[in-house]
């Protein structure tokens, strides 16, 4: 994982993996899914009296991340179906996180 040999960590940290069932992705959503995963570090955080939580993706980073993936852009923009898939995945993720906080 990341070129790190877990046996050479000296026991200071325990690396773990999370095993899940495969998630079926329709072929026409593959680009949106890849973009969503690549945006994993691009969440806006809101902090307040009740703690901190993610409020949505940083849309200013979407084109930069898409370009880094080598995604084909239409006139320099994310194709509309890919952007809609990204927003759907973002909304569902926020809904799940919100439900966990309650």
N, C-alpha and C. Protein backbone atom coordinates (compact mmCIF):
# COMPACT_ATOMS: atom_id res chain seq x y z
N UNK A 1 0.85 -1.18 0.00
CA UNK A 1 0.00 0.00 0.00
C UNK A 1 0.89 1.23 0.00
N UNK A 2 0.78 2.07 -1.00
CA UNK A 2 1.57 3.29 -1.13
C UNK A 2 3.07 3.02 -1.09
N UNK A 3 3.49 1.82 -1.42
CA UNK A 3 4.91 1.49 -1.41
C UNK A 3 5.47 1.31 -0.01
N UNK A 4 4.61 1.19 0.99
CA UNK A 4 5.06 1.03 2.38
C UNK A 4 4.96 -0.44 2.76
N UNK A 5 6.02 -0.96 3.29
CA UNK A 5 6.00 -2.33 3.78
C UNK A 5 5.51 -2.30 5.23
N UNK A 6 4.28 -2.78 5.52
CA UNK A 6 3.75 -2.70 6.86
C UNK A 6 4.58 -3.42 7.92
N UNK A 7 5.39 -4.39 7.48
CA UNK A 7 6.20 -5.12 8.45
C UNK A 7 7.38 -4.28 8.94
N UNK A 8 7.68 -3.18 8.24
CA UNK A 8 8.81 -2.34 8.63
C UNK A 8 8.38 -1.08 9.39
N UNK A 9 7.17 -1.05 9.85
CA UNK A 9 6.69 0.11 10.60
C UNK A 9 7.11 0.06 12.07
N UNK A 10 7.75 -0.98 12.47
CA UNK A 10 8.24 -1.08 13.85
C UNK A 10 7.14 -1.23 14.88
N UNK A 11 5.96 -1.64 14.46
CA UNK A 11 4.89 -1.86 15.41
C UNK A 11 4.25 -0.59 15.94
N UNK A 12 4.70 0.56 15.47
CA UNK A 12 4.14 1.80 15.98
C UNK A 12 2.73 2.04 15.46
N UNK A 13 2.47 1.61 14.28
CA UNK A 13 1.15 1.81 13.70
C UNK A 13 0.62 0.50 13.16
N UNK A 14 -0.65 0.35 13.27
CA UNK A 14 -1.31 -0.84 12.76
C UNK A 14 -2.07 -0.45 11.49
N UNK A 15 -1.67 -0.96 10.34
CA UNK A 15 -2.40 -0.70 9.11
C UNK A 15 -3.54 -1.69 9.01
N UNK A 16 -4.67 -1.21 8.58
CA UNK A 16 -5.80 -2.12 8.41
C UNK A 16 -6.49 -1.82 7.09
N UNK A 17 -7.14 -2.81 6.58
CA UNK A 17 -7.91 -2.64 5.36
C UNK A 17 -9.37 -2.90 5.70
N UNK A 18 -10.23 -2.30 4.94
CA UNK A 18 -11.66 -2.50 5.13
C UNK A 18 -12.15 -3.32 3.95
N UNK A 19 -12.68 -4.47 4.25
CA UNK A 19 -13.20 -5.35 3.20
C UNK A 19 -14.68 -5.05 3.02
N UNK A 20 -15.08 -4.82 1.80
CA UNK A 20 -16.48 -4.57 1.50
C UNK A 20 -16.87 -5.41 0.30
N UNK A 21 -18.16 -5.54 0.12
CA UNK A 21 -18.65 -6.20 -1.08
C UNK A 21 -18.40 -5.27 -2.26
N UNK A 22 -18.15 -5.83 -3.44
CA UNK A 22 -17.95 -4.97 -4.61
C UNK A 22 -19.19 -4.11 -4.87
N UNK A 23 -18.96 -2.90 -5.31
CA UNK A 23 -20.04 -1.99 -5.66
C UNK A 23 -20.17 -1.99 -7.17
N UNK A 24 -21.32 -2.41 -7.69
CA UNK A 24 -21.47 -2.42 -9.15
C UNK A 24 -21.59 -0.99 -9.69
N UNK A 25 -20.80 -0.67 -10.69
CA UNK A 25 -20.84 0.64 -11.33
C UNK A 25 -21.21 0.42 -12.79
N UNK A 26 -22.25 1.10 -13.24
CA UNK A 26 -22.62 0.99 -14.64
C UNK A 26 -21.54 1.62 -15.49
N UNK A 27 -21.26 1.04 -16.67
CA UNK A 27 -20.19 1.58 -17.52
C UNK A 27 -20.36 3.06 -17.85
N UNK A 28 -21.60 3.52 -18.00
CA UNK A 28 -21.79 4.94 -18.35
C UNK A 28 -21.54 5.87 -17.15
N UNK A 29 -21.36 5.31 -15.96
CA UNK A 29 -21.05 6.11 -14.78
C UNK A 29 -19.59 5.99 -14.37
N UNK A 30 -18.79 5.27 -15.13
CA UNK A 30 -17.39 5.00 -14.75
C UNK A 30 -16.59 6.29 -14.61
N UNK A 31 -16.76 7.25 -15.51
CA UNK A 31 -16.01 8.50 -15.41
C UNK A 31 -16.43 9.30 -14.18
N UNK A 32 -17.72 9.36 -13.92
CA UNK A 32 -18.21 10.08 -12.74
C UNK A 32 -17.71 9.45 -11.46
N UNK A 33 -17.69 8.12 -11.41
CA UNK A 33 -17.21 7.40 -10.24
C UNK A 33 -15.72 7.64 -10.04
N UNK A 34 -14.94 7.57 -11.10
CA UNK A 34 -13.50 7.81 -11.01
C UNK A 34 -13.23 9.24 -10.54
N UNK A 35 -13.98 10.19 -11.06
CA UNK A 35 -13.81 11.58 -10.65
C UNK A 35 -14.19 11.77 -9.19
N UNK A 36 -15.29 11.15 -8.77
CA UNK A 36 -15.72 11.23 -7.37
C UNK A 36 -14.64 10.68 -6.43
N UNK A 37 -14.08 9.54 -6.76
CA UNK A 37 -13.03 8.95 -5.92
C UNK A 37 -11.79 9.84 -5.88
N UNK A 38 -11.43 10.41 -7.03
CA UNK A 38 -10.25 11.27 -7.09
C UNK A 38 -10.46 12.58 -6.33
N UNK A 39 -11.72 12.98 -6.13
CA UNK A 39 -12.03 14.21 -5.40
C UNK A 39 -12.05 13.98 -3.89
N UNK A 40 -11.62 12.83 -3.45
CA UNK A 40 -11.71 12.46 -2.03
C UNK A 40 -11.07 13.43 -1.06
N UNK A 41 -10.09 14.20 -1.50
CA UNK A 41 -9.44 15.18 -0.60
C UNK A 41 -9.96 16.59 -0.84
N UNK A 42 -11.01 16.72 -1.63
CA UNK A 42 -11.50 18.04 -2.02
C UNK A 42 -12.87 18.37 -1.43
N UNK A 43 -13.05 18.07 -0.16
CA UNK A 43 -14.31 18.37 0.52
C UNK A 43 -14.19 19.68 1.30
N UNK A 44 -15.24 20.49 1.25
CA UNK A 44 -15.33 21.68 2.10
C UNK A 44 -15.71 21.23 3.50
N UNK A 45 -15.07 21.83 4.49
CA UNK A 45 -15.36 21.53 5.89
C UNK A 45 -15.98 22.74 6.55
N UNK A 46 -16.98 22.52 7.38
CA UNK A 46 -17.62 23.57 8.15
C UNK A 46 -17.41 23.23 9.62
N UNK A 47 -16.93 24.19 10.38
CA UNK A 47 -16.73 23.97 11.82
C UNK A 47 -17.63 24.92 12.58
N UNK A 48 -18.16 24.43 13.67
CA UNK A 48 -19.04 25.25 14.50
C UNK A 48 -19.17 24.66 15.88
N UNK A 49 -20.14 25.14 16.61
CA UNK A 49 -20.36 24.68 17.98
C UNK A 49 -20.70 23.21 18.10
N UNK A 50 -21.14 22.61 17.02
CA UNK A 50 -21.52 21.20 17.06
C UNK A 50 -20.46 20.29 16.44
N UNK A 51 -19.27 20.81 16.21
CA UNK A 51 -18.20 20.03 15.61
C UNK A 51 -17.93 20.46 14.18
N UNK A 52 -17.27 19.60 13.44
CA UNK A 52 -16.93 19.88 12.05
C UNK A 52 -17.51 18.79 11.16
N UNK A 53 -17.91 19.18 9.97
CA UNK A 53 -18.44 18.19 9.03
C UNK A 53 -18.21 18.69 7.61
N UNK A 54 -18.25 17.75 6.67
CA UNK A 54 -18.10 18.09 5.26
C UNK A 54 -19.43 18.63 4.73
N UNK A 55 -19.35 19.73 3.97
CA UNK A 55 -20.58 20.34 3.46
C UNK A 55 -20.76 20.18 1.96
N UNK A 56 -19.78 19.66 1.27
CA UNK A 56 -19.88 19.47 -0.17
C UNK A 56 -18.50 19.53 -0.80
N UNK A 57 -18.44 19.19 -2.06
CA UNK A 57 -17.17 19.20 -2.77
C UNK A 57 -16.75 20.61 -3.16
N UNK A 58 -15.46 20.79 -3.33
CA UNK A 58 -14.91 22.06 -3.81
C UNK A 58 -15.00 22.04 -5.34
N UNK A 59 -16.01 22.70 -5.88
CA UNK A 59 -16.23 22.64 -7.32
C UNK A 59 -15.11 23.30 -8.11
N UNK A 60 -14.38 24.22 -7.49
CA UNK A 60 -13.27 24.84 -8.21
C UNK A 60 -12.15 23.83 -8.50
N UNK A 61 -12.16 22.69 -7.82
CA UNK A 61 -11.13 21.68 -8.03
C UNK A 61 -11.54 20.62 -9.06
N UNK A 62 -12.78 20.60 -9.45
CA UNK A 62 -13.28 19.51 -10.31
C UNK A 62 -12.52 19.44 -11.63
N UNK A 63 -12.36 20.56 -12.33
CA UNK A 63 -11.68 20.52 -13.63
C UNK A 63 -10.21 20.14 -13.47
N UNK A 64 -9.56 20.64 -12.42
CA UNK A 64 -8.15 20.30 -12.19
C UNK A 64 -8.00 18.80 -11.97
N UNK A 65 -8.87 18.24 -11.15
CA UNK A 65 -8.81 16.80 -10.88
C UNK A 65 -9.14 16.00 -12.13
N UNK A 66 -10.14 16.43 -12.89
CA UNK A 66 -10.50 15.73 -14.12
C UNK A 66 -9.34 15.73 -15.11
N UNK A 67 -8.67 16.86 -15.23
CA UNK A 67 -7.51 16.93 -16.12
C UNK A 67 -6.40 16.00 -15.65
N UNK A 68 -6.20 15.93 -14.35
CA UNK A 68 -5.14 15.06 -13.82
C UNK A 68 -5.45 13.59 -14.08
N UNK A 69 -6.74 13.27 -14.23
CA UNK A 69 -7.13 11.90 -14.57
C UNK A 69 -7.02 11.63 -16.07
N UNK A 70 -6.76 12.69 -16.84
CA UNK A 70 -6.71 12.53 -18.30
C UNK A 70 -8.09 12.48 -18.92
N UNK A 71 -9.09 12.98 -18.19
CA UNK A 71 -10.47 12.94 -18.68
C UNK A 71 -10.63 13.89 -19.86
N UNK A 72 -11.36 13.43 -20.86
CA UNK A 72 -11.61 14.25 -22.05
C UNK A 72 -12.67 15.29 -21.69
N UNK A 73 -12.32 16.56 -21.86
CA UNK A 73 -13.22 17.65 -21.52
C UNK A 73 -13.87 18.21 -22.79
N UNK A 74 -15.09 18.70 -22.67
CA UNK A 74 -15.80 19.33 -23.78
C UNK A 74 -15.61 20.84 -23.67
N UNK A 75 -14.84 21.41 -24.59
CA UNK A 75 -14.55 22.85 -24.56
C UNK A 75 -13.97 23.27 -23.21
N UNK A 76 -13.12 22.43 -22.63
CA UNK A 76 -12.50 22.74 -21.35
C UNK A 76 -13.40 22.52 -20.15
N UNK A 77 -14.57 21.93 -20.35
CA UNK A 77 -15.51 21.71 -19.26
C UNK A 77 -15.78 20.22 -19.08
N UNK A 78 -16.16 19.89 -17.87
CA UNK A 78 -16.55 18.52 -17.56
C UNK A 78 -17.81 18.20 -18.39
N UNK A 79 -17.87 17.04 -19.05
CA UNK A 79 -19.10 16.67 -19.75
C UNK A 79 -20.29 16.65 -18.78
N UNK A 80 -21.43 17.17 -19.21
CA UNK A 80 -22.59 17.30 -18.34
C UNK A 80 -22.97 15.98 -17.66
N UNK A 81 -23.04 14.85 -18.37
CA UNK A 81 -23.42 13.60 -17.68
C UNK A 81 -22.44 13.24 -16.56
N UNK A 82 -21.15 13.48 -16.76
CA UNK A 82 -20.15 13.18 -15.72
C UNK A 82 -20.35 14.09 -14.52
N UNK A 83 -20.60 15.38 -14.78
CA UNK A 83 -20.83 16.32 -13.69
C UNK A 83 -22.09 15.97 -12.91
N UNK A 84 -23.15 15.56 -13.61
CA UNK A 84 -24.38 15.16 -12.92
C UNK A 84 -24.16 13.91 -12.08
N UNK A 85 -23.38 12.96 -12.59
CA UNK A 85 -23.05 11.77 -11.80
C UNK A 85 -22.27 12.15 -10.55
N UNK A 86 -21.31 13.06 -10.71
CA UNK A 86 -20.53 13.53 -9.56
C UNK A 86 -21.43 14.16 -8.52
N UNK A 87 -22.36 15.01 -8.94
CA UNK A 87 -23.27 15.66 -7.99
C UNK A 87 -24.19 14.66 -7.32
N UNK A 88 -24.62 13.63 -8.04
CA UNK A 88 -25.47 12.59 -7.45
C UNK A 88 -24.70 11.84 -6.37
N UNK A 89 -23.47 11.47 -6.68
CA UNK A 89 -22.64 10.77 -5.70
C UNK A 89 -22.35 11.66 -4.48
N UNK A 90 -22.09 12.92 -4.72
CA UNK A 90 -21.86 13.87 -3.62
C UNK A 90 -23.10 13.97 -2.73
N UNK A 91 -24.27 14.15 -3.33
CA UNK A 91 -25.50 14.30 -2.56
C UNK A 91 -25.80 13.06 -1.73
N UNK A 92 -25.61 11.89 -2.31
CA UNK A 92 -25.88 10.65 -1.57
C UNK A 92 -24.88 10.47 -0.42
N UNK A 93 -23.63 10.83 -0.67
CA UNK A 93 -22.61 10.75 0.38
C UNK A 93 -22.96 11.68 1.54
N UNK A 94 -23.34 12.92 1.22
CA UNK A 94 -23.72 13.88 2.26
C UNK A 94 -24.94 13.39 3.04
N UNK A 95 -25.90 12.78 2.33
CA UNK A 95 -27.08 12.24 3.00
C UNK A 95 -26.71 11.14 3.99
N UNK A 96 -25.81 10.24 3.57
CA UNK A 96 -25.37 9.15 4.45
C UNK A 96 -24.61 9.69 5.65
N UNK A 97 -23.71 10.64 5.43
CA UNK A 97 -22.94 11.21 6.53
C UNK A 97 -23.86 11.93 7.51
N UNK A 98 -24.85 12.63 6.99
CA UNK A 98 -25.80 13.34 7.85
C UNK A 98 -26.58 12.36 8.71
N UNK A 99 -27.00 11.26 8.11
CA UNK A 99 -27.76 10.25 8.86
C UNK A 99 -26.90 9.64 9.97
N UNK A 100 -25.61 9.48 9.73
CA UNK A 100 -24.71 8.92 10.76
C UNK A 100 -24.51 9.88 11.93
N UNK A 101 -24.60 11.19 11.65
CA UNK A 101 -24.39 12.19 12.72
C UNK A 101 -25.58 12.27 13.66
N UNK A 102 -26.74 11.81 13.22
CA UNK A 102 -27.95 11.94 14.04
C UNK A 102 -28.04 10.88 15.09
